[in-house]
Structure formats: structure tokens, C-alpha cells
Amino acid sequence: MALNTPALEIAKTLRKQLTPAEHILWQALRNKALGEKFRRQMPFVFGDYHFVADFCCVRKKIVIELDGGVHNSSDVKDYDRLRDKIFSEEGYKVLRIKNKEIDNNLNKVLLKIQEHL
């Protein structure tokens, strides 16, 4: 990934503005709490595509995306499918987790993540 990309600048901003669900999950993932290092708001550049993943375990090539209500619109669903396809083509597994899942049963979410590690 090239330095000083738009994705990098966006990632820096997003790290300072985590959503409540992102904050909760980050507290559960940070400091290798699940045995693997995760990064939050990680920028990616694949050709002309610039993305920021909510969370990523680089070693295991797992991207975690948290989906709030905005992800229910058809435009955003189409964009999410494109992102997931590109990540997959680059060898990453994308786990999509709804914010409600974080709020309702964080332990279940963490078990789901551990299964993919």
C-alpha cells in the first residue's frame, strides 16, 4: 500500500471517531486478546480501489466489517458486495457483523471470530 493515500487519511480520522459498536469490539480485540493482533480502521489500496476495513488481522487475512443501519440500503449493499469481492480476490476472508450482534451478544461474536482465526 502506498503511503499518504486517501484511504490512509480517512483511516486516521475514523480511528478517532469509532462508533459505539466499534469501540466495544476494539476493546475485546486489542492487545491480542484473542491470540492474534488486530488493527482497527486499516487502510487498503487494491489498484484503483481504496478501502478502510473496520478491523483486520493481517496474519490470518481476516477483515471484520461492522454493519449498522446504513448497510440496509441497496446502494450500500451493492458497495459492500463489491468490497467483499475485492477483498476475497486479494485472499482476505470478510466477516460481516451487525452492530446489534455486538450489543446483544458480544461473546457469541467473539466465538465467531475465533472460529475463523
C-alpha atoms as a PDB file:
ATOM      1  CA  MET A   1       0.000   0.000   0.000  1.00  0.00           C
ATOM      2  CA  ALA A   2       1.290   3.437  -0.894  1.00  0.00           C
ATOM      3  CA  LEU A   3       1.766   5.965   1.873  1.00  0.00           C
ATOM      4  CA  ASN A   4      -0.371   9.095   2.075  1.00  0.00           C
ATOM      5  CA  THR A   5      -3.323   7.651   0.188  1.00  0.00           C
ATOM      6  CA  PRO A   6      -6.874   8.933   0.654  1.00  0.00           C
ATOM      7  CA  ALA A   7      -7.606   5.668   2.500  1.00  0.00           C
ATOM      8  CA  LEU A   8      -4.816   6.392   4.986  1.00  0.00           C
ATOM      9  CA  GLU A   9      -6.138   9.865   5.735  1.00  0.00           C
ATOM     10  CA  ILE A  10      -9.677   8.540   6.147  1.00  0.00           C
ATOM     11  CA  ALA A  11      -8.423   5.760   8.438  1.00  0.00           C
ATOM     12  CA  LYS A  12      -6.649   8.261  10.692  1.00  0.00           C
ATOM     13  CA  THR A  13      -9.883  10.223  11.051  1.00  0.00           C
ATOM     14  CA  LEU A  14     -12.029   7.135  11.620  1.00  0.00           C
ATOM     15  CA  ARG A  15      -9.731   5.852  14.387  1.00  0.00           C
ATOM     16  CA  LYS A  16     -10.626   8.974  16.353  1.00  0.00           C
ATOM     17  CA  GLN A  17     -14.360   8.545  15.692  1.00  0.00           C
ATOM     18  CA  LEU A  18     -15.175   4.900  16.429  1.00  0.00           C
ATOM     19  CA  THR A  19     -18.865   4.059  16.596  1.00  0.00           C
ATOM     20  CA  PRO A  20     -20.088   2.615  19.911  1.00  0.00           C
ATOM     21  CA  ALA A  21     -20.115  -0.910  18.423  1.00  0.00           C
ATOM     22  CA  GLU A  22     -16.590  -0.453  17.001  1.00  0.00           C
ATOM     23  CA  HIS A  23     -15.368   0.761  20.383  1.00  0.00           C
ATOM     24  CA  ILE A  24     -16.855  -2.257  22.182  1.00  0.00           C
ATOM     25  CA  LEU A  25     -15.368  -4.728  19.702  1.00  0.00           C
ATOM     26  CA  TRP A  26     -12.000  -2.971  19.716  1.00  0.00           C
ATOM     27  CA  GLN A  27     -11.802  -3.304  23.496  1.00  0.00           C
ATOM     28  CA  ALA A  28     -12.370  -7.061  23.053  1.00  0.00           C
ATOM     29  CA  LEU A  29      -9.828  -7.483  20.215  1.00  0.00           C
ATOM     30  CA  ARG A  30      -6.960  -5.223  21.193  1.00  0.00           C
ATOM     31  CA  ASN A  31      -3.720  -6.385  22.785  1.00  0.00           C
ATOM     32  CA  LYS A  32      -4.022  -9.848  21.184  1.00  0.00           C
ATOM     33  CA  ALA A  33      -6.988 -10.692  23.428  1.00  0.00           C
ATOM     34  CA  LEU A  34      -7.988 -13.498  21.021  1.00  0.00           C
ATOM     35  CA  GLY A  35      -4.387 -14.583  20.456  1.00  0.00           C
ATOM     36  CA  GLU A  36      -3.915 -12.587  17.255  1.00  0.00           C
ATOM     37  CA  LYS A  37      -3.082  -8.959  16.547  1.00  0.00           C
ATOM     38  CA  PHE A  38      -5.895  -6.891  15.072  1.00  0.00           C
ATOM     39  CA  ARG A  39      -5.688  -3.415  13.598  1.00  0.00           C
ATOM     40  CA  ARG A  40      -8.602  -1.006  13.565  1.00  0.00           C
ATOM     41  CA  GLN A  41      -9.611   1.220  10.662  1.00  0.00           C
ATOM     42  CA  MET A  42      -6.941  -0.281   8.445  1.00  0.00           C
ATOM     43  CA  PRO A  43      -6.445   1.284   5.003  1.00  0.00           C
ATOM     44  CA  PHE A  44      -6.135  -0.890   1.887  1.00  0.00           C
ATOM     45  CA  VAL A  45      -5.359   0.016  -1.693  1.00  0.00           C
ATOM     46  CA  PHE A  46      -6.091  -2.560  -4.389  1.00  0.00           C
ATOM     47  CA  GLY A  47      -5.432  -0.961  -7.768  1.00  0.00           C
ATOM     48  CA  ASP A  48      -7.860   1.943  -8.110  1.00  0.00           C
ATOM     49  CA  TYR A  49      -9.849   0.870  -5.037  1.00  0.00           C
ATOM     50  CA  HIS A  50      -9.184   2.499  -1.678  1.00  0.00           C
ATOM     51  CA  PHE A  51     -10.883   0.909   1.333  1.00  0.00           C
ATOM     52  CA  VAL A  52     -10.756   1.202   5.091  1.00  0.00           C
ATOM     53  CA  ALA A  53     -11.581  -2.015   6.940  1.00  0.00           C
ATOM     54  CA  ASP A  54     -13.107  -1.669  10.398  1.00  0.00           C
ATOM     55  CA  PHE A  55     -10.761  -4.354  11.777  1.00  0.00           C
ATOM     56  CA  CYS A  56      -8.146  -6.620  10.241  1.00  0.00           C
ATOM     57  CA  CYS A  57      -5.964  -9.497  11.349  1.00  0.00           C
ATOM     58  CA  VAL A  58      -3.210  -9.253   8.761  1.00  0.00           C
ATOM     59  CA  ARG A  59      -1.525 -12.548   9.653  1.00  0.00           C
ATOM     60  CA  LYS A  60      -4.738 -14.540   9.187  1.00  0.00           C
ATOM     61  CA  LYS A  61      -6.039 -12.283   6.370  1.00  0.00           C
ATOM     62  CA  ILE A  62      -9.367 -11.689   8.102  1.00  0.00           C
ATOM     63  CA  VAL A  63     -11.305  -8.447   7.724  1.00  0.00           C
ATOM     64  CA  ILE A  64     -14.141  -7.658  10.124  1.00  0.00           C
ATOM     65  CA  GLU A  65     -16.779  -5.204   8.992  1.00  0.00           C
ATOM     66  CA  LEU A  66     -19.435  -3.913  11.384  1.00  0.00           C
ATOM     67  CA  ASP A  67     -22.739  -3.131   9.738  1.00  0.00           C
ATOM     68  CA  GLY A  68     -25.124  -0.567  11.170  1.00  0.00           C
ATOM     69  CA  GLY A  69     -28.448   0.568   9.758  1.00  0.00           C
ATOM     70  CA  VAL A  70     -26.869   2.386   6.805  1.00  0.00           C
ATOM     71  CA  HIS A  71     -25.847  -1.003   5.400  1.00  0.00           C
ATOM     72  CA  ASN A  72     -29.508  -1.850   4.753  1.00  0.00           C
ATOM     73  CA  SER A  73     -29.831   0.482   1.753  1.00  0.00           C
ATOM     74  CA  SER A  74     -29.473  -1.112  -1.684  1.00  0.00           C
ATOM     75  CA  ASP A  75     -26.636   1.241  -2.729  1.00  0.00           C
ATOM     76  CA  VAL A  76     -24.580   0.390   0.336  1.00  0.00           C
ATOM     77  CA  LYS A  77     -25.337  -3.326  -0.050  1.00  0.00           C
ATOM     78  CA  ASP A  78     -24.024  -3.160  -3.619  1.00  0.00           C
ATOM     79  CA  TYR A  79     -20.888  -1.351  -2.452  1.00  0.00           C
ATOM     80  CA  ASP A  80     -20.393  -3.892   0.365  1.00  0.00           C
ATOM     81  CA  ARG A  81     -20.659  -6.770  -2.144  1.00  0.00           C
ATOM     82  CA  LEU A  82     -18.022  -5.103  -4.330  1.00  0.00           C
ATOM     83  CA  ARG A  83     -15.703  -4.605  -1.361  1.00  0.00           C
ATOM     84  CA  ASP A  84     -16.185  -8.190  -0.181  1.00  0.00           C
ATOM     85  CA  LYS A  85     -15.461  -9.495  -3.699  1.00  0.00           C
ATOM     86  CA  ILE A  86     -12.262  -7.463  -3.985  1.00  0.00           C
ATOM     87  CA  PHE A  87     -11.069  -8.465  -0.520  1.00  0.00           C
ATOM     88  CA  SER A  88     -11.789 -12.100  -1.401  1.00  0.00           C
ATOM     89  CA  GLU A  89      -9.847 -11.802  -4.660  1.00  0.00           C
ATOM     90  CA  GLU A  90      -6.922 -10.481  -2.607  1.00  0.00           C
ATOM     91  CA  GLY A  91      -7.080 -13.511  -0.288  1.00  0.00           C
ATOM     92  CA  TYR A  92      -8.983 -11.978   2.638  1.00  0.00           C
ATOM     93  CA  LYS A  93     -11.939 -13.522   4.446  1.00  0.00           C
ATOM     94  CA  VAL A  94     -14.566 -10.882   5.287  1.00  0.00           C
ATOM     95  CA  LEU A  95     -16.709 -11.322   8.385  1.00  0.00           C
ATOM     96  CA  ARG A  96     -19.744  -9.047   8.426  1.00  0.00           C
ATOM     97  CA  ILE A  97     -21.192  -8.463  11.868  1.00  0.00           C
ATOM     98  CA  LYS A  98     -24.247  -6.378  12.594  1.00  0.00           C
ATOM     99  CA  ASN A  99     -23.972  -3.744  15.314  1.00  0.00           C
ATOM    100  CA  LYS A 100     -26.967  -5.382  17.016  1.00  0.00           C
ATOM    101  CA  GLU A 101     -24.925  -8.581  17.394  1.00  0.00           C
ATOM    102  CA  ILE A 102     -22.266  -6.638  19.318  1.00  0.00           C
ATOM    103  CA  ASP A 103     -24.930  -5.107  21.555  1.00  0.00           C
ATOM    104  CA  ASN A 104     -26.908  -8.314  22.110  1.00  0.00           C
ATOM    105  CA  ASN A 105     -24.218 -10.974  22.495  1.00  0.00           C
ATOM    106  CA  LEU A 106     -20.584  -9.920  22.315  1.00  0.00           C
ATOM    107  CA  ASN A 107     -19.388 -13.340  23.480  1.00  0.00           C
ATOM    108  CA  LYS A 108     -21.118 -15.025  20.529  1.00  0.00           C
ATOM    109  CA  VAL A 109     -19.445 -12.542  18.168  1.00  0.00           C
ATOM    110  CA  LEU A 110     -16.035 -13.256  19.697  1.00  0.00           C
ATOM    111  CA  LEU A 111     -16.590 -17.005  19.312  1.00  0.00           C
ATOM    112  CA  LYS A 112     -17.487 -16.453  15.647  1.00  0.00           C
ATOM    113  CA  ILE A 113     -14.254 -14.502  15.147  1.00  0.00           C
ATOM    114  CA  GLN A 114     -12.206 -17.171  16.953  1.00  0.00           C
ATOM    115  CA  GLU A 115     -13.650 -19.858  14.667  1.00  0.00           C
ATOM    116  CA  HIS A 116     -12.164 -18.022  11.696  1.00  0.00           C
ATOM    117  CA  LEU A 117      -8.787 -17.494  13.329  1.00  0.00           C
END
